[in-house]
Amino acid sequence: MRTLRTITVTRYVTPLREGGSLPAIVEADDDGMYVLKFRGAGHGTRALVAELVSGEIGRALGLPVPDIVLASLDPDLARTEPDPEIHALIHDSAGLNLALDYLPGAVGFDPIVHTIPVELASRIVWFDALVSNVDRTPRNTNMLMWHRAPWLIDHGSTLYFHHTEGWERDLSRARAAFPGIKDHVLLRHATTLEDEDERMARVLTEDVIEEIVRLVPDAWLADGANAPAADRVRAAYRRYLVDRLTPPRGFVEEAARAR
């Protein structure tokens, strides 16, 4: 059974201003350092849902995604923050947030300088096509190099269908095209995409998908943490992902055509 650890944020260290939602490096009660994604930022809890679900799908596929944890944030941490924007963000994000293990000394992936084996490039493209990741382009790779290996970060913009009103009832969305894959930074290197397809899909069984969506806290899915309502939204995410993985997988065919 998949589980997520819950940490308590004890110190706000510094903002990461290159992120659109103003994530931050924080220290936690386990003495670890994390990159905190705030529920009070930008797209709110839906971005956290995307970060968790897509990140855990990536980890299930064996892709290099930093450890994901739930992060409890006390609004009192805002009292000593002089920056009004950050003060408001901390205050408005009281409760359960999401954080990823901080990779100290990591540098941004540069497609001119860094290389990735074609098998791994193909698996990353397959994964990003599955979760409709618009943020893995040459302009914004959302990959880090750490200890000479690539790491995938920032999945809050994936699963963007859930920002559309009534998406839970639209059964056609799972089979929708993802034209953004043509801009993927690794697409031209994904020369074994078709070979990886069956292998990757085999890992993501219905049980694995169910375990992953079960990790999402009720409070991120329904106002007031209403458990029955949250379960209905979970079921919609599960149905979307299972349907998208059902062959023939159009997102793979589209990526192959684009390459």
C-alpha atoms as a PDB file:
ATOM      1  CA  MET A   1       0.000   0.000   0.000  1.00  0.00           C
ATOM      2  CA  ARG A   2       1.381   3.368  -1.037  1.00  0.00           C
ATOM      3  CA  THR A   3       1.632   5.993   1.681  1.00  0.00           C
ATOM      4  CA  LEU A   4       2.989   9.516   1.990  1.00  0.00           C
ATOM      5  CA  ARG A   5       4.837  10.869   4.999  1.00  0.00           C
ATOM      6  CA  THR A   6       3.528  14.018   6.637  1.00  0.00           C
ATOM      7  CA  ILE A   7       6.038  16.587   7.839  1.00  0.00           C
ATOM      8  CA  THR A   8       5.522  19.812   9.770  1.00  0.00           C
ATOM      9  CA  VAL A   9       7.149  22.963   8.401  1.00  0.00           C
ATOM     10  CA  THR A  10       9.269  24.571  11.128  1.00  0.00           C
ATOM     11  CA  ARG A  11      11.070  27.329   9.201  1.00  0.00           C
ATOM     12  CA  TYR A  12      10.548  29.282   6.002  1.00  0.00           C
ATOM     13  CA  VAL A  13      14.017  29.558   4.440  1.00  0.00           C
ATOM     14  CA  THR A  14      13.798  31.329   1.088  1.00  0.00           C
ATOM     15  CA  PRO A  15      11.410  31.741  -1.860  1.00  0.00           C
ATOM     16  CA  LEU A  16      12.139  30.218  -5.258  1.00  0.00           C
ATOM     17  CA  ARG A  17      11.076  33.174  -7.335  1.00  0.00           C
ATOM     18  CA  GLU A  18      11.657  31.423 -10.657  1.00  0.00           C
ATOM     19  CA  GLY A  19       8.485  29.439  -9.986  1.00  0.00           C
ATOM     20  CA  GLY A  20       5.224  31.040 -11.067  1.00  0.00           C
ATOM     21  CA  SER A  21       3.455  30.001  -7.852  1.00  0.00           C
ATOM     22  CA  LEU A  22       6.291  31.190  -5.591  1.00  0.00           C
ATOM     23  CA  PRO A  23       7.318  27.863  -4.018  1.00  0.00           C
ATOM     24  CA  ALA A  24       9.832  28.020  -1.191  1.00  0.00           C
ATOM     25  CA  ILE A  25      12.634  26.121   0.443  1.00  0.00           C
ATOM     26  CA  VAL A  26      11.577  25.195   3.970  1.00  0.00           C
ATOM     27  CA  GLU A  27      12.917  23.218   6.902  1.00  0.00           C
ATOM     28  CA  ALA A  28      10.774  20.556   8.579  1.00  0.00           C
ATOM     29  CA  ASP A  29      10.515  18.784  11.902  1.00  0.00           C
ATOM     30  CA  ASP A  30      12.493  15.820  10.541  1.00  0.00           C
ATOM     31  CA  ASP A  31      15.467  18.198   9.981  1.00  0.00           C
ATOM     32  CA  GLY A  32      15.019  17.782   6.226  1.00  0.00           C
ATOM     33  CA  MET A  33      14.851  20.532   3.604  1.00  0.00           C
ATOM     34  CA  TYR A  34      11.979  20.592   1.151  1.00  0.00           C
ATOM     35  CA  VAL A  35      10.544  22.603  -1.720  1.00  0.00           C
ATOM     36  CA  LEU A  36       7.089  23.591  -0.507  1.00  0.00           C
ATOM     37  CA  LYS A  37       4.163  24.064  -2.901  1.00  0.00           C
ATOM     38  CA  PHE A  38       1.486  26.272  -1.321  1.00  0.00           C
ATOM     39  CA  ARG A  39      -2.225  25.543  -1.436  1.00  0.00           C
ATOM     40  CA  GLY A  40      -2.869  29.295  -1.327  1.00  0.00           C
ATOM     41  CA  ALA A  41      -0.937  29.993  -4.550  1.00  0.00           C
ATOM     42  CA  GLY A  42      -2.029  30.283  -8.163  1.00  0.00           C
ATOM     43  CA  HIS A  43      -4.270  27.350  -9.051  1.00  0.00           C
ATOM     44  CA  GLY A  44      -4.640  26.322  -5.422  1.00  0.00           C
ATOM     45  CA  THR A  45      -5.236  22.735  -4.430  1.00  0.00           C
ATOM     46  CA  ARG A  46      -5.733  21.545  -8.019  1.00  0.00           C
ATOM     47  CA  ALA A  47      -2.064  22.262  -8.670  1.00  0.00           C
ATOM     48  CA  LEU A  48      -1.218  20.193  -5.591  1.00  0.00           C
ATOM     49  CA  VAL A  49      -3.409  17.345  -6.843  1.00  0.00           C
ATOM     50  CA  ALA A  50      -1.615  17.424 -10.193  1.00  0.00           C
ATOM     51  CA  GLU A  51       1.781  17.566  -8.494  1.00  0.00           C
ATOM     52  CA  LEU A  52       0.966  14.581  -6.310  1.00  0.00           C
ATOM     53  CA  VAL A  53      -0.826  12.374  -8.831  1.00  0.00           C
ATOM     54  CA  SER A  54       1.570  12.971 -11.735  1.00  0.00           C
ATOM     55  CA  GLY A  55       4.622  12.837  -9.485  1.00  0.00           C
ATOM     56  CA  GLU A  56       3.568   9.513  -7.983  1.00  0.00           C
ATOM     57  CA  ILE A  57       2.760   8.133 -11.431  1.00  0.00           C
ATOM     58  CA  GLY A  58       6.286   9.086 -12.464  1.00  0.00           C
ATOM     59  CA  ARG A  59       7.729   7.403  -9.373  1.00  0.00           C
ATOM     60  CA  ALA A  60       5.639   4.271 -10.029  1.00  0.00           C
ATOM     61  CA  LEU A  61       7.159   4.162 -13.525  1.00  0.00           C
ATOM     62  CA  GLY A  62      10.654   4.316 -12.032  1.00  0.00           C
ATOM     63  CA  LEU A  63      11.301   7.849 -13.259  1.00  0.00           C
ATOM     64  CA  PRO A  64      13.538  10.165 -11.203  1.00  0.00           C
ATOM     65  CA  VAL A  65      11.034  12.287  -9.263  1.00  0.00           C
ATOM     66  CA  PRO A  66      12.034  13.653  -5.826  1.00  0.00           C
ATOM     67  CA  ASP A  67      10.253  12.180  -2.803  1.00  0.00           C
ATOM     68  CA  ILE A  68       6.841  13.743  -2.255  1.00  0.00           C
ATOM     69  CA  VAL A  69       5.465  14.452   1.221  1.00  0.00           C
ATOM     70  CA  LEU A  70       2.439  16.155   2.732  1.00  0.00           C
ATOM     71  CA  ALA A  71       3.433  19.285   4.626  1.00  0.00           C
ATOM     72  CA  SER A  72       1.529  20.802   7.525  1.00  0.00           C
ATOM     73  CA  LEU A  73       1.918  24.582   7.670  1.00  0.00           C
ATOM     74  CA  ASP A  74       1.150  26.760  10.708  1.00  0.00           C
ATOM     75  CA  PRO A  75       0.012  30.278   9.687  1.00  0.00           C
ATOM     76  CA  ASP A  76       1.985  31.677  12.652  1.00  0.00           C
ATOM     77  CA  LEU A  77       5.110  31.270  10.509  1.00  0.00           C
ATOM     78  CA  ALA A  78       3.898  34.315   8.573  1.00  0.00           C
ATOM     79  CA  ARG A  79       4.299  36.635  11.575  1.00  0.00           C
ATOM     80  CA  THR A  80       8.014  37.242  11.050  1.00  0.00           C
ATOM     81  CA  GLU A  81       7.864  37.483   7.245  1.00  0.00           C
ATOM     82  CA  PRO A  82       8.388  41.117   6.119  1.00  0.00           C
ATOM     83  CA  ASP A  83       7.472  40.551   2.455  1.00  0.00           C
ATOM     84  CA  PRO A  84       3.704  41.140   2.243  1.00  0.00           C
ATOM     85  CA  GLU A  85       3.248  38.759  -0.708  1.00  0.00           C
ATOM     86  CA  ILE A  86       5.012  35.918   1.080  1.00  0.00           C
ATOM     87  CA  HIS A  87       3.281  36.771   4.360  1.00  0.00           C
ATOM     88  CA  ALA A  88      -0.117  36.454   2.695  1.00  0.00           C
ATOM     89  CA  LEU A  89       0.885  33.238   0.913  1.00  0.00           C
ATOM     90  CA  ILE A  90       1.954  31.536   4.142  1.00  0.00           C
ATOM     91  CA  HIS A  91      -1.127  32.778   6.001  1.00  0.00           C
ATOM     92  CA  ASP A  92      -3.509  31.662   3.242  1.00  0.00           C
ATOM     93  CA  SER A  93      -1.875  28.223   3.000  1.00  0.00           C
ATOM     94  CA  ALA A  94      -2.486  27.122   6.576  1.00  0.00           C
ATOM     95  CA  GLY A  95      -3.090  23.404   6.826  1.00  0.00           C
ATOM     96  CA  LEU A  96      -1.962  20.625   4.525  1.00  0.00           C
ATOM     97  CA  ASN A  97       0.314  21.490   1.601  1.00  0.00           C
ATOM     98  CA  LEU A  98       2.688  19.477  -0.585  1.00  0.00           C
ATOM     99  CA  ALA A  99       6.478  19.385  -0.583  1.00  0.00           C
ATOM    100  CA  LEU A 100       9.248  17.649  -2.481  1.00  0.00           C
ATOM    101  CA  ASP A 101      12.667  16.641  -1.278  1.00  0.00           C
ATOM    102  CA  TYR A 102      15.124  19.498  -1.844  1.00  0.00           C
ATOM    103  CA  LEU A 103      18.092  18.619  -4.074  1.00  0.00           C
ATOM    104  CA  PRO A 104      20.926  20.896  -2.868  1.00  0.00           C
ATOM    105  CA  GLY A 105      23.357  22.006  -5.540  1.00  0.00           C
ATOM    106  CA  ALA A 106      21.178  20.858  -8.434  1.00  0.00           C
ATOM    107  CA  VAL A 107      21.352  22.839 -11.681  1.00  0.00           C
ATOM    108  CA  GLY A 108      18.775  23.267 -14.399  1.00  0.00           C
ATOM    109  CA  PHE A 109      18.836  20.781 -17.273  1.00  0.00           C
ATOM    110  CA  ASP A 110      20.315  22.379 -20.386  1.00  0.00           C
ATOM    111  CA  PRO A 111      19.487  20.460 -23.596  1.00  0.00           C
ATOM    112  CA  ILE A 112      22.643  21.814 -25.233  1.00  0.00           C
ATOM    113  CA  VAL A 113      24.974  20.766 -22.426  1.00  0.00           C
ATOM    114  CA  HIS A 114      23.323  17.693 -20.907  1.00  0.00           C
ATOM    115  CA  THR A 115      22.410  14.399 -22.546  1.00  0.00           C
ATOM    116  CA  ILE A 116      19.943  11.697 -21.535  1.00  0.00           C
ATOM    117  CA  PRO A 117      19.905   8.081 -22.792  1.00  0.00           C
ATOM    118  CA  VAL A 118      17.278   7.540 -25.482  1.00  0.00           C
ATOM    119  CA  GLU A 119      15.451   4.912 -23.401  1.00  0.00           C
ATOM    120  CA  LEU A 120      15.014   7.329 -20.491  1.00  0.00           C
ATOM    121  CA  ALA A 121      14.123  10.186 -22.849  1.00  0.00           C
ATOM    122  CA  SER A 122      11.450   7.966 -24.406  1.00  0.00           C
ATOM    123  CA  ARG A 123      10.004   7.043 -21.012  1.00  0.00           C
ATOM    124  CA  ILE A 124       9.870  10.696 -19.951  1.00  0.00           C
ATOM    125  CA  VAL A 125       8.105  11.715 -23.169  1.00  0.00           C
ATOM    126  CA  TRP A 126       5.623   8.832 -22.732  1.00  0.00           C
ATOM    127  CA  PHE A 127       4.910   9.912 -19.148  1.00  0.00           C
ATOM    128  CA  ASP A 128       4.502  13.590 -20.034  1.00  0.00           C
ATOM    129  CA  ALA A 129       2.147  12.722 -22.890  1.00  0.00           C
ATOM    130  CA  LEU A 130       0.052  10.610 -20.503  1.00  0.00           C
ATOM    131  CA  VAL A 131      -0.341  13.408 -17.934  1.00  0.00           C
ATOM    132  CA  SER A 132      -0.478  16.230 -20.527  1.00  0.00           C
ATOM    133  CA  ASN A 133       2.569  18.065 -19.233  1.00  0.00           C
ATOM    134  CA  VAL A 134       2.879  21.463 -20.931  1.00  0.00           C
ATOM    135  CA  ASP A 135       6.000  22.361 -18.942  1.00  0.00           C
ATOM    136  CA  ARG A 136       8.859  20.286 -20.331  1.00  0.00           C
ATOM    137  CA  THR A 137       9.948  22.489 -23.216  1.00  0.00           C
ATOM    138  CA  PRO A 138      13.355  23.877 -24.256  1.00  0.00           C
ATOM    139  CA  ARG A 139      12.295  27.189 -22.758  1.00  0.00           C
ATOM    140  CA  ASN A 140      11.275  25.634 -19.448  1.00  0.00           C
ATOM    141  CA  THR A 141      12.557  22.073 -19.052  1.00  0.00           C
ATOM    142  CA  ASN A 142      11.456  21.531 -15.438  1.00  0.00           C
ATOM    143  CA  MET A 143      14.324  19.101 -15.039  1.00  0.00           C
ATOM    144  CA  LEU A 144      17.314  19.334 -12.758  1.00  0.00           C
ATOM    145  CA  MET A 145      20.721  17.707 -12.962  1.00  0.00           C
ATOM    146  CA  TRP A 146      21.771  16.397  -9.572  1.00  0.00           C
ATOM    147  CA  HIS A 147      24.770  14.104  -9.044  1.00  0.00           C
ATOM    148  CA  ARG A 148      25.035  13.897 -12.852  1.00  0.00           C
ATOM    149  CA  ALA A 149      21.537  12.459 -13.203  1.00  0.00           C
ATOM    150  CA  PRO A 150      18.292  14.116 -14.370  1.00  0.00           C
ATOM    151  CA  TRP A 151      15.383  14.720 -11.999  1.00  0.00           C
ATOM    152  CA  LEU A 152      11.824  15.630 -13.002  1.00  0.00           C
ATOM    153  CA  ILE A 153      10.182  18.477 -11.083  1.00  0.00           C
ATOM    154  CA  ASP A 154       7.167  20.811 -11.158  1.00  0.00           C
ATOM    155  CA  HIS A 155       4.134  18.807 -12.286  1.00  0.00           C
ATOM    156  CA  GLY A 156       1.533  21.284 -11.025  1.00  0.00           C
ATOM    157  CA  SER A 157       0.471  22.196 -14.570  1.00  0.00           C
ATOM    158  CA  THR A 158      -0.241  18.614 -15.633  1.00  0.00           C
ATOM    159  CA  LEU A 159      -3.769  17.148 -15.802  1.00  0.00           C
ATOM    160  CA  TYR A 160      -4.922  20.604 -16.859  1.00  0.00           C
ATOM    161  CA  PHE A 161      -8.345  19.279 -17.861  1.00  0.00           C
ATOM    162  CA  HIS A 162      -9.401  19.564 -14.195  1.00  0.00           C
ATOM    163  CA  HIS A 163      -9.481  23.366 -14.432  1.00  0.00           C
ATOM    164  CA  THR A 164     -12.537  23.070 -16.707  1.00  0.00           C
ATOM    165  CA  GLU A 165     -15.945  23.191 -15.079  1.00  0.00           C
ATOM    166  CA  GLY A 166     -17.728  19.833 -15.221  1.00  0.00           C
ATOM    167  CA  TRP A 167     -14.653  17.826 -16.249  1.00  0.00           C
ATOM    168  CA  GLU A 168     -15.723  14.968 -13.972  1.00  0.00           C
ATOM    169  CA  ARG A 169     -18.698  14.247 -16.241  1.00  0.00           C
ATOM    170  CA  ASP A 170     -16.886  14.564 -19.577  1.00  0.00           C
ATOM    171  CA  LEU A 171     -15.898  10.993 -20.451  1.00  0.00           C
ATOM    172  CA  SER A 172     -14.315  12.011 -23.762  1.00  0.00           C
ATOM    173  CA  ARG A 173     -11.457  13.962 -22.177  1.00  0.00           C
ATOM    174  CA  ALA A 174      -9.369  10.890 -21.457  1.00  0.00           C
ATOM    175  CA  ARG A 175      -8.964  10.196 -25.182  1.00  0.00           C
ATOM    176  CA  ALA A 176      -8.306  13.828 -26.106  1.00  0.00           C
ATOM    177  CA  ALA A 177      -5.210  14.737 -28.073  1.00  0.00           C
ATOM    178  CA  PHE A 178      -2.278  16.502 -26.452  1.00  0.00           C
ATOM    179  CA  PRO A 179      -0.770  18.676 -29.206  1.00  0.00           C
ATOM    180  CA  GLY A 180       1.674  20.235 -26.726  1.00  0.00           C
ATOM    181  CA  ILE A 181       3.860  17.124 -26.921  1.00  0.00           C
ATOM    182  CA  LYS A 182       5.364  18.514 -30.141  1.00  0.00           C
ATOM    183  CA  ASP A 183       7.238  21.075 -28.018  1.00  0.00           C
ATOM    184  CA  HIS A 184       8.763  18.548 -25.606  1.00  0.00           C
ATOM    185  CA  VAL A 185      12.455  19.168 -24.980  1.00  0.00           C
ATOM    186  CA  LEU A 186      13.300  15.453 -25.292  1.00  0.00           C
ATOM    187  CA  LEU A 187      10.988  14.504 -28.153  1.00  0.00           C
ATOM    188  CA  ARG A 188      13.666  14.135 -30.832  1.00  0.00           C
ATOM    189  CA  HIS A 189      15.630  11.829 -28.520  1.00  0.00           C
ATOM    190  CA  ALA A 190      12.616   9.588 -27.804  1.00  0.00           C
ATOM    191  CA  THR A 191      13.550   7.064 -30.470  1.00  0.00           C
ATOM    192  CA  THR A 192      12.363   4.017 -28.489  1.00  0.00           C
ATOM    193  CA  LEU A 193       8.966   5.483 -27.615  1.00  0.00           C
ATOM    194  CA  GLU A 194       6.954   2.676 -29.200  1.00  0.00           C
ATOM    195  CA  ASP A 195       9.182   0.031 -27.593  1.00  0.00           C
ATOM    196  CA  GLU A 196       8.621   1.534 -24.141  1.00  0.00           C
ATOM    197  CA  ASP A 197       4.872   1.920 -24.579  1.00  0.00           C
ATOM    198  CA  GLU A 198       3.640  -1.528 -23.563  1.00  0.00           C
ATOM    199  CA  ARG A 199       6.203  -1.825 -20.780  1.00  0.00           C
ATOM    200  CA  MET A 200       5.183   1.494 -19.233  1.00  0.00           C
ATOM    201  CA  ALA A 201       1.443   0.882 -19.527  1.00  0.00           C
ATOM    202  CA  ARG A 202       1.809  -2.550 -17.915  1.00  0.00           C
ATOM    203  CA  VAL A 203       3.156  -0.942 -14.738  1.00  0.00           C
ATOM    204  CA  LEU A 204       0.159   1.356 -14.326  1.00  0.00           C
ATOM    205  CA  THR A 205      -2.497  -1.186 -13.443  1.00  0.00           C
ATOM    206  CA  GLU A 206      -5.906  -0.125 -12.191  1.00  0.00           C
ATOM    207  CA  ASP A 207      -4.779  -1.018  -8.675  1.00  0.00           C
ATOM    208  CA  VAL A 208      -1.714   1.223  -8.946  1.00  0.00           C
ATOM    209  CA  ILE A 209      -3.825   4.114 -10.231  1.00  0.00           C
ATOM    210  CA  GLU A 210      -6.299   3.558  -7.393  1.00  0.00           C
ATOM    211  CA  GLU A 211      -3.506   3.620  -4.803  1.00  0.00           C
ATOM    212  CA  ILE A 212      -2.125   6.864  -6.211  1.00  0.00           C
ATOM    213  CA  VAL A 213      -5.402   8.789  -6.294  1.00  0.00           C
ATOM    214  CA  ARG A 214      -6.161   7.530  -2.770  1.00  0.00           C
ATOM    215  CA  LEU A 215      -3.123   9.498  -1.590  1.00  0.00           C
ATOM    216  CA  VAL A 216      -4.809  12.829  -2.352  1.00  0.00           C
ATOM    217  CA  PRO A 217      -6.217  14.390   0.845  1.00  0.00           C
ATOM    218  CA  ASP A 218      -9.978  14.907   0.988  1.00  0.00           C
ATOM    219  CA  ALA A 219      -9.515  18.623   1.664  1.00  0.00           C
ATOM    220  CA  TRP A 220      -7.851  19.103  -1.730  1.00  0.00           C
ATOM    221  CA  LEU A 221     -10.762  17.510  -3.555  1.00  0.00           C
ATOM    222  CA  ALA A 222     -13.853  18.899  -1.849  1.00  0.00           C
ATOM    223  CA  ASP A 223     -14.607  21.997   0.196  1.00  0.00           C
ATOM    224  CA  GLY A 224     -15.021  21.203   3.852  1.00  0.00           C
ATOM    225  CA  ALA A 225     -13.239  17.863   3.469  1.00  0.00           C
ATOM    226  CA  ASN A 226     -16.537  16.151   2.641  1.00  0.00           C
ATOM    227  CA  ALA A 227     -15.465  12.524   2.259  1.00  0.00           C
ATOM    228  CA  PRO A 228     -18.246  11.310  -0.112  1.00  0.00           C
ATOM    229  CA  ALA A 229     -17.715  14.320  -2.396  1.00  0.00           C
ATOM    230  CA  ALA A 230     -13.954  13.780  -2.341  1.00  0.00           C
ATOM    231  CA  ASP A 231     -14.416  10.120  -3.243  1.00  0.00           C
ATOM    232  CA  ARG A 232     -16.516  11.091  -6.264  1.00  0.00           C
ATOM    233  CA  VAL A 233     -13.734  13.361  -7.525  1.00  0.00           C
ATOM    234  CA  ARG A 234     -11.145  10.637  -6.862  1.00  0.00           C
ATOM    235  CA  ALA A 235     -13.229   8.215  -8.883  1.00  0.00           C
ATOM    236  CA  ALA A 236     -13.256  10.718 -11.776  1.00  0.00           C
ATOM    237  CA  TYR A 237      -9.447  11.006 -11.737  1.00  0.00           C
ATOM    238  CA  ARG A 238      -9.137   7.229 -11.603  1.00  0.00           C
ATOM    239  CA  ARG A 239     -11.552   6.770 -14.521  1.00  0.00           C
ATOM    240  CA  TYR A 240      -9.733   9.408 -16.575  1.00  0.00           C
ATOM    241  CA  LEU A 241      -6.325   7.763 -16.108  1.00  0.00           C
ATOM    242  CA  VAL A 242      -7.567   4.205 -16.658  1.00  0.00           C
ATOM    243  CA  ASP A 243      -9.404   5.260 -19.824  1.00  0.00           C
ATOM    244  CA  ARG A 244      -6.363   7.159 -21.089  1.00  0.00           C
ATOM    245  CA  LEU A 245      -4.201   4.074 -20.610  1.00  0.00           C
ATOM    246  CA  THR A 246      -6.603   1.823 -22.506  1.00  0.00           C
ATOM    247  CA  PRO A 247      -5.207   0.804 -25.911  1.00  0.00           C
ATOM    248  CA  PRO A 248      -4.912   2.092 -28.494  1.00  0.00           C
ATOM    249  CA  ARG A 249      -3.146   4.890 -26.642  1.00  0.00           C
ATOM    250  CA  GLY A 250      -3.620   7.918 -28.829  1.00  0.00           C
ATOM    251  CA  PHE A 251      -1.192  10.017 -26.798  1.00  0.00           C
ATOM    252  CA  VAL A 252       1.641   7.645 -27.814  1.00  0.00           C
ATOM    253  CA  GLU A 253       0.646   7.693 -31.472  1.00  0.00           C
ATOM    254  CA  GLU A 254       0.511  11.487 -31.396  1.00  0.00           C
ATOM    255  CA  ALA A 255       3.973  11.749 -29.793  1.00  0.00           C
ATOM    256  CA  ALA A 256       5.409   9.356 -32.386  1.00  0.00           C
ATOM    257  CA  ARG A 257       3.909  11.401 -35.231  1.00  0.00           C
ATOM    258  CA  ALA A 258       5.261  14.628 -33.733  1.00  0.00           C
ATOM    259  CA  ARG A 259       8.735  13.166 -33.396  1.00  0.00           C
END
